Amino acid sequence: QMTLETSFDQQRMKSALDVIKTQFADEPLFDRVSNFGGQVAGETKQLAIIAMMASLVAIVGYIWIRFQAVTFGLAAVAALVHDVLIVLGLVALSGWLVEGTGGVASQLLLLDVFKINLPMIAAFMTLVGYSLNDTIVVFDRIREVRGKSPEITKEMVNTSVDRKSVV
């Protein structure tokens, strides 16, 4: 137990503490870190790149084992990178429109500057999941249409992608 003695008037101190207590009772304080040092950011960036590369290698390996051809795995990763880059480009374009037009695009198109934060990362992770799932479904259809044929033709791929023609 500690005792604090100050030169302030006790009544003023008590009223100030009561105000602080009521304010924190109504609105709890949650600490949020939004700025990091350069070393922490650099380490995090390196670990993120390593994790991303490891996951892409794991995706190639899984699809290679599942579909017996490394080309399927490489194609899946290419489609995945394509989908993510398109969305990232659109996010960058919307930010450029808002900042480049002095706020006019913000009012006309109801756009806001997007920042890469945790909800945005969650959205990209969702995009990765759906993209990969869709690619695997199409590859599975190609495998069904191909049957025991050793080669994949353009017609097989078109038939596999066209949902109406696959039973």
C-alpha atoms as a PDB file:
ATOM      1  CA  GLN A   1       0.000   0.000   0.000  1.00  0.00           C
ATOM      2  CA  MET A   2       1.321   3.433  -0.931  1.00  0.00           C
ATOM      3  CA  THR A   3       0.453   6.897   0.232  1.00  0.00           C
ATOM      4  CA  LEU A   4       0.720   9.883  -2.082  1.00  0.00           C
ATOM      5  CA  GLU A   5       1.108  13.344  -0.633  1.00  0.00           C
ATOM      6  CA  THR A   6       0.844  16.418  -2.829  1.00  0.00           C
ATOM      7  CA  SER A   7       0.689  20.145  -2.344  1.00  0.00           C
ATOM      8  CA  PHE A   8      -2.663  20.297  -4.205  1.00  0.00           C
ATOM      9  CA  ASP A   9      -5.892  20.985  -2.466  1.00  0.00           C
ATOM     10  CA  GLN A  10      -7.409  17.633  -1.475  1.00  0.00           C
ATOM     11  CA  GLN A  11     -10.897  18.632  -2.608  1.00  0.00           C
ATOM     12  CA  ARG A  12      -9.620  19.603  -6.093  1.00  0.00           C
ATOM     13  CA  MET A  13      -7.616  16.386  -6.304  1.00  0.00           C
ATOM     14  CA  LYS A  14     -10.630  14.292  -5.283  1.00  0.00           C
ATOM     15  CA  SER A  15     -12.892  15.992  -7.838  1.00  0.00           C
ATOM     16  CA  ALA A  16     -10.272  15.503 -10.592  1.00  0.00           C
ATOM     17  CA  LEU A  17      -9.908  11.819  -9.693  1.00  0.00           C
ATOM     18  CA  ASP A  18     -13.702  11.385  -9.719  1.00  0.00           C
ATOM     19  CA  VAL A  19     -13.868  12.899 -13.207  1.00  0.00           C
ATOM     20  CA  ILE A  20     -11.138  10.525 -14.406  1.00  0.00           C
ATOM     21  CA  LYS A  21     -12.880   7.530 -12.796  1.00  0.00           C
ATOM     22  CA  THR A  22     -16.200   8.305 -14.482  1.00  0.00           C
ATOM     23  CA  GLN A  23     -14.513   8.916 -17.824  1.00  0.00           C
ATOM     24  CA  PHE A  24     -12.673   5.574 -17.707  1.00  0.00           C
ATOM     25  CA  ALA A  25     -15.783   3.786 -16.472  1.00  0.00           C
ATOM     26  CA  ASP A  26     -17.727   5.000 -19.526  1.00  0.00           C
ATOM     27  CA  GLU A  27     -14.918   4.698 -22.075  1.00  0.00           C
ATOM     28  CA  PRO A  28     -12.256   2.125 -21.220  1.00  0.00           C
ATOM     29  CA  LEU A  29      -8.757   2.871 -22.442  1.00  0.00           C
ATOM     30  CA  PHE A  30      -7.340   0.325 -24.843  1.00  0.00           C
ATOM     31  CA  ASP A  31      -3.737   0.877 -25.760  1.00  0.00           C
ATOM     32  CA  ARG A  32      -3.057   0.753 -29.470  1.00  0.00           C
ATOM     33  CA  VAL A  33       0.339   0.704 -31.034  1.00  0.00           C
ATOM     34  CA  SER A  34       0.328   2.266 -34.475  1.00  0.00           C
ATOM     35  CA  ASN A  35       3.979   3.195 -34.875  1.00  0.00           C
ATOM     36  CA  PHE A  36       6.895   0.805 -34.825  1.00  0.00           C
ATOM     37  CA  GLY A  37      10.601   1.354 -34.867  1.00  0.00           C
ATOM     38  CA  GLY A  38      12.597   0.747 -38.026  1.00  0.00           C
ATOM     39  CA  GLN A  39      14.254  -2.408 -36.724  1.00  0.00           C
ATOM     40  CA  VAL A  40      10.938  -4.007 -35.723  1.00  0.00           C
ATOM     41  CA  ALA A  41       9.396  -3.093 -39.077  1.00  0.00           C
ATOM     42  CA  GLY A  42      12.401  -4.492 -40.955  1.00  0.00           C
ATOM     43  CA  GLU A  43      12.326  -7.787 -39.039  1.00  0.00           C
ATOM     44  CA  THR A  44       8.575  -8.088 -39.507  1.00  0.00           C
ATOM     45  CA  LYS A  45       8.913  -7.439 -43.234  1.00  0.00           C
ATOM     46  CA  GLN A  46      11.602 -10.112 -43.565  1.00  0.00           C
ATOM     47  CA  LEU A  47       9.540 -12.641 -41.622  1.00  0.00           C
ATOM     48  CA  ALA A  48       6.456 -11.837 -43.705  1.00  0.00           C
ATOM     49  CA  ILE A  49       8.361 -12.392 -46.957  1.00  0.00           C
ATOM     50  CA  ILE A  50       9.770 -15.682 -45.659  1.00  0.00           C
ATOM     51  CA  ALA A  51       6.297 -16.821 -44.539  1.00  0.00           C
ATOM     52  CA  MET A  52       4.781 -15.844 -47.881  1.00  0.00           C
ATOM     53  CA  MET A  53       7.429 -17.713 -49.877  1.00  0.00           C
ATOM     54  CA  ALA A  54       7.114 -20.784 -47.648  1.00  0.00           C
ATOM     55  CA  SER A  55       3.337 -20.800 -48.081  1.00  0.00           C
ATOM     56  CA  LEU A  56       3.638 -20.494 -51.875  1.00  0.00           C
ATOM     57  CA  VAL A  57       6.095 -23.410 -51.933  1.00  0.00           C
ATOM     58  CA  ALA A  58       3.695 -25.411 -49.748  1.00  0.00           C
ATOM     59  CA  ILE A  59       0.807 -24.628 -52.121  1.00  0.00           C
ATOM     60  CA  VAL A  60       2.865 -25.742 -55.132  1.00  0.00           C
ATOM     61  CA  GLY A  61       3.839 -28.922 -53.272  1.00  0.00           C
ATOM     62  CA  TYR A  62       0.281 -29.750 -52.205  1.00  0.00           C
ATOM     63  CA  ILE A  63      -1.200 -29.232 -55.660  1.00  0.00           C
ATOM     64  CA  TRP A  64       1.722 -31.099 -57.250  1.00  0.00           C
ATOM     65  CA  ILE A  65       0.990 -34.116 -55.058  1.00  0.00           C
ATOM     66  CA  ARG A  66      -2.770 -33.862 -55.503  1.00  0.00           C
ATOM     67  CA  PHE A  67      -2.798 -33.475 -59.300  1.00  0.00           C
ATOM     68  CA  GLN A  68       0.473 -35.323 -60.140  1.00  0.00           C
ATOM     69  CA  ALA A  69       1.965 -32.408 -62.103  1.00  0.00           C
ATOM     70  CA  VAL A  70       4.053 -29.490 -60.943  1.00  0.00           C
ATOM     71  CA  THR A  71       2.543 -27.307 -63.678  1.00  0.00           C
ATOM     72  CA  PHE A  72      -0.792 -27.335 -61.824  1.00  0.00           C
ATOM     73  CA  GLY A  73       0.916 -26.004 -58.688  1.00  0.00           C
ATOM     74  CA  LEU A  74       2.774 -23.295 -60.569  1.00  0.00           C
ATOM     75  CA  ALA A  75      -0.406 -22.292 -62.403  1.00  0.00           C
ATOM     76  CA  ALA A  76      -2.295 -22.083 -59.097  1.00  0.00           C
ATOM     77  CA  VAL A  77       0.359 -19.807 -57.607  1.00  0.00           C
ATOM     78  CA  ALA A  78       0.365 -17.655 -60.752  1.00  0.00           C
ATOM     79  CA  ALA A  79      -3.434 -17.305 -60.551  1.00  0.00           C
ATOM     80  CA  LEU A  80      -3.184 -16.509 -56.862  1.00  0.00           C
ATOM     81  CA  VAL A  81      -0.538 -13.822 -57.370  1.00  0.00           C
ATOM     82  CA  HIS A  82      -2.577 -12.400 -60.260  1.00  0.00           C
ATOM     83  CA  ASP A  83      -5.739 -12.103 -58.147  1.00  0.00           C
ATOM     84  CA  VAL A  84      -3.948 -10.478 -55.213  1.00  0.00           C
ATOM     85  CA  LEU A  85      -2.043  -8.025 -57.420  1.00  0.00           C
ATOM     86  CA  ILE A  86      -5.227  -6.952 -59.223  1.00  0.00           C
ATOM     87  CA  VAL A  87      -6.986  -6.170 -55.928  1.00  0.00           C
ATOM     88  CA  LEU A  88      -3.898  -4.481 -54.489  1.00  0.00           C
ATOM     89  CA  GLY A  89      -3.684  -2.380 -57.658  1.00  0.00           C
ATOM     90  CA  LEU A  90      -7.317  -1.342 -57.307  1.00  0.00           C
ATOM     91  CA  VAL A  91      -6.727  -0.358 -53.678  1.00  0.00           C
ATOM     92  CA  ALA A  92      -3.723   1.725 -54.752  1.00  0.00           C
ATOM     93  CA  LEU A  93      -5.738   3.261 -57.594  1.00  0.00           C
ATOM     94  CA  SER A  94      -8.518   4.307 -55.226  1.00  0.00           C
ATOM     95  CA  GLY A  95      -5.971   5.931 -52.917  1.00  0.00           C
ATOM     96  CA  TRP A  96      -4.403   7.737 -55.862  1.00  0.00           C
ATOM     97  CA  LEU A  97      -7.823   8.956 -57.010  1.00  0.00           C
ATOM     98  CA  VAL A  98      -8.685  10.340 -53.580  1.00  0.00           C
ATOM     99  CA  GLU A  99      -5.342  12.053 -53.014  1.00  0.00           C
ATOM    100  CA  GLY A 100      -4.737  13.080 -56.634  1.00  0.00           C
ATOM    101  CA  THR A 101      -8.069  14.806 -57.131  1.00  0.00           C
ATOM    102  CA  GLY A 102      -7.961  16.833 -53.929  1.00  0.00           C
ATOM    103  CA  GLY A 103     -10.928  15.039 -52.404  1.00  0.00           C
ATOM    104  CA  VAL A 104     -13.263  15.374 -55.402  1.00  0.00           C
ATOM    105  CA  ALA A 105     -13.189  11.615 -56.049  1.00  0.00           C
ATOM    106  CA  SER A 106     -13.792  11.084 -52.370  1.00  0.00           C
ATOM    107  CA  GLN A 107     -17.065  12.975 -52.584  1.00  0.00           C
ATOM    108  CA  LEU A 108     -18.208  11.788 -56.027  1.00  0.00           C
ATOM    109  CA  LEU A 109     -17.234   8.123 -55.785  1.00  0.00           C
ATOM    110  CA  LEU A 110     -17.515   7.813 -51.996  1.00  0.00           C
ATOM    111  CA  LEU A 111     -13.929   6.558 -51.837  1.00  0.00           C
ATOM    112  CA  ASP A 112     -11.591   6.837 -48.924  1.00  0.00           C
ATOM    113  CA  VAL A 113      -7.850   6.316 -48.731  1.00  0.00           C
ATOM    114  CA  PHE A 114      -7.262   2.685 -47.882  1.00  0.00           C
ATOM    115  CA  LYS A 115      -4.450   1.811 -45.567  1.00  0.00           C
ATOM    116  CA  ILE A 116      -2.989  -1.630 -45.148  1.00  0.00           C
ATOM    117  CA  ASN A 117      -4.131  -2.568 -41.647  1.00  0.00           C
ATOM    118  CA  LEU A 118      -5.391  -5.742 -39.988  1.00  0.00           C
ATOM    119  CA  PRO A 119      -8.877  -5.701 -41.579  1.00  0.00           C
ATOM    120  CA  MET A 120      -7.285  -5.140 -45.008  1.00  0.00           C
ATOM    121  CA  ILE A 121      -4.894  -8.047 -44.415  1.00  0.00           C
ATOM    122  CA  ALA A 122      -7.871 -10.202 -43.387  1.00  0.00           C
ATOM    123  CA  ALA A 123      -9.593  -9.231 -46.639  1.00  0.00           C
ATOM    124  CA  PHE A 124      -6.518 -10.232 -48.642  1.00  0.00           C
ATOM    125  CA  MET A 125      -6.300 -13.533 -46.761  1.00  0.00           C
ATOM    126  CA  THR A 126      -9.956 -14.181 -47.621  1.00  0.00           C
ATOM    127  CA  LEU A 127      -9.206 -13.378 -51.251  1.00  0.00           C
ATOM    128  CA  VAL A 128      -6.291 -15.832 -51.206  1.00  0.00           C
ATOM    129  CA  GLY A 129      -8.509 -18.551 -49.758  1.00  0.00           C
ATOM    130  CA  TYR A 130     -11.295 -18.109 -52.281  1.00  0.00           C
ATOM    131  CA  SER A 131      -8.888 -17.804 -55.190  1.00  0.00           C
ATOM    132  CA  LEU A 132      -7.046 -20.964 -54.239  1.00  0.00           C
ATOM    133  CA  ASN A 133     -10.282 -22.862 -53.653  1.00  0.00           C
ATOM    134  CA  ASP A 134     -11.678 -21.810 -57.028  1.00  0.00           C
ATOM    135  CA  THR A 135      -8.436 -22.804 -58.765  1.00  0.00           C
ATOM    136  CA  ILE A 136      -8.468 -26.241 -57.138  1.00  0.00           C
ATOM    137  CA  VAL A 137     -12.103 -26.764 -58.187  1.00  0.00           C
ATOM    138  CA  VAL A 138     -11.246 -25.935 -61.806  1.00  0.00           C
ATOM    139  CA  PHE A 139      -8.190 -28.223 -61.703  1.00  0.00           C
ATOM    140  CA  ASP A 140     -10.342 -31.021 -60.312  1.00  0.00           C
ATOM    141  CA  ARG A 141     -12.797 -30.550 -63.182  1.00  0.00           C
ATOM    142  CA  ILE A 142      -9.912 -30.640 -65.660  1.00  0.00           C
ATOM    143  CA  ARG A 143      -8.774 -33.918 -64.135  1.00  0.00           C
ATOM    144  CA  GLU A 144     -12.311 -35.367 -64.457  1.00  0.00           C
ATOM    145  CA  VAL A 145     -12.703 -34.241 -68.073  1.00  0.00           C
ATOM    146  CA  ARG A 146      -9.215 -35.414 -69.010  1.00  0.00           C
ATOM    147  CA  GLY A 147      -9.819 -38.921 -67.697  1.00  0.00           C
ATOM    148  CA  LYS A 148      -6.913 -41.143 -68.739  1.00  0.00           C
ATOM    149  CA  SER A 149      -5.794 -38.907 -71.589  1.00  0.00           C
ATOM    150  CA  PRO A 150      -2.100 -38.021 -71.242  1.00  0.00           C
ATOM    151  CA  GLU A 151      -2.447 -34.518 -72.672  1.00  0.00           C
ATOM    152  CA  ILE A 152      -4.606 -31.557 -71.733  1.00  0.00           C
ATOM    153  CA  THR A 153      -6.173 -29.770 -74.678  1.00  0.00           C
ATOM    154  CA  LYS A 154      -7.722 -26.338 -74.978  1.00  0.00           C
ATOM    155  CA  GLU A 155     -11.166 -27.909 -75.394  1.00  0.00           C
ATOM    156  CA  MET A 156     -10.736 -29.879 -72.152  1.00  0.00           C
ATOM    157  CA  VAL A 157      -9.916 -26.710 -70.245  1.00  0.00           C
ATOM    158  CA  ASN A 158     -12.850 -24.822 -71.794  1.00  0.00           C
ATOM    159  CA  THR A 159     -15.214 -27.682 -70.974  1.00  0.00           C
ATOM    160  CA  SER A 160     -13.903 -27.784 -67.410  1.00  0.00           C
ATOM    161  CA  VAL A 161     -14.293 -24.052 -66.825  1.00  0.00           C
ATOM    162  CA  ASP A 162     -17.795 -23.953 -68.371  1.00  0.00           C
ATOM    163  CA  ARG A 163     -20.020 -24.922 -65.430  1.00  0.00           C
ATOM    164  CA  LYS A 164     -22.991 -25.981 -67.550  1.00  0.00           C
ATOM    165  CA  SER A 165     -21.181 -28.669 -69.477  1.00  0.00           C
ATOM    166  CA  VAL A 166     -19.640 -30.468 -66.487  1.00  0.00           C
ATOM    167  CA  VAL A 167     -21.916 -33.024 -64.854  1.00  0.00           C
END
